[in-house]
Amino acid sequence: WHSDAVVWFVNSALFGLLLAARSTCVIWGVELFPREVRGRCYGISATIGMLLGSSAPVFCSEHSMLAGFYGAVACMMSACAMAFALVSNHHHNAGKPGWIQTAYLRNEPY
């Protein structure tokens, strides 16, 4: 039963990391839209993302390694989004035009 417990723990930890990585993209994605249309725009983009994400089992069922590759790519995309948010926030605070400031990296609350 030890191997089952280890598999369960590793699976739960990896799933938690994936959810945490996804929430980073969600927070960053909400900030991309103007305040007036934020709910509608993010709702549409989240729905499209969920539709694409729900098709992942179809793509990953062909080969056993594709599921791991899919998860790794999703994590790398989240890491890239966080890195871009940090760079964007740095440039925005430096006063450079054209850079956005994300909600979760603000110096003061809005």
Foldseek 3Di string as FASTA:
>chain_A
DVVVVVVVVVVVVLVVLLVVLVVLVLQQQLQVDDPVCSVVVSVVVVVVVVVVVVCQCVVCVVDVCSVVVVSVVSSVVSVVSVVLQVVLCVCVVVVHPPGGHTQVPDPDHD
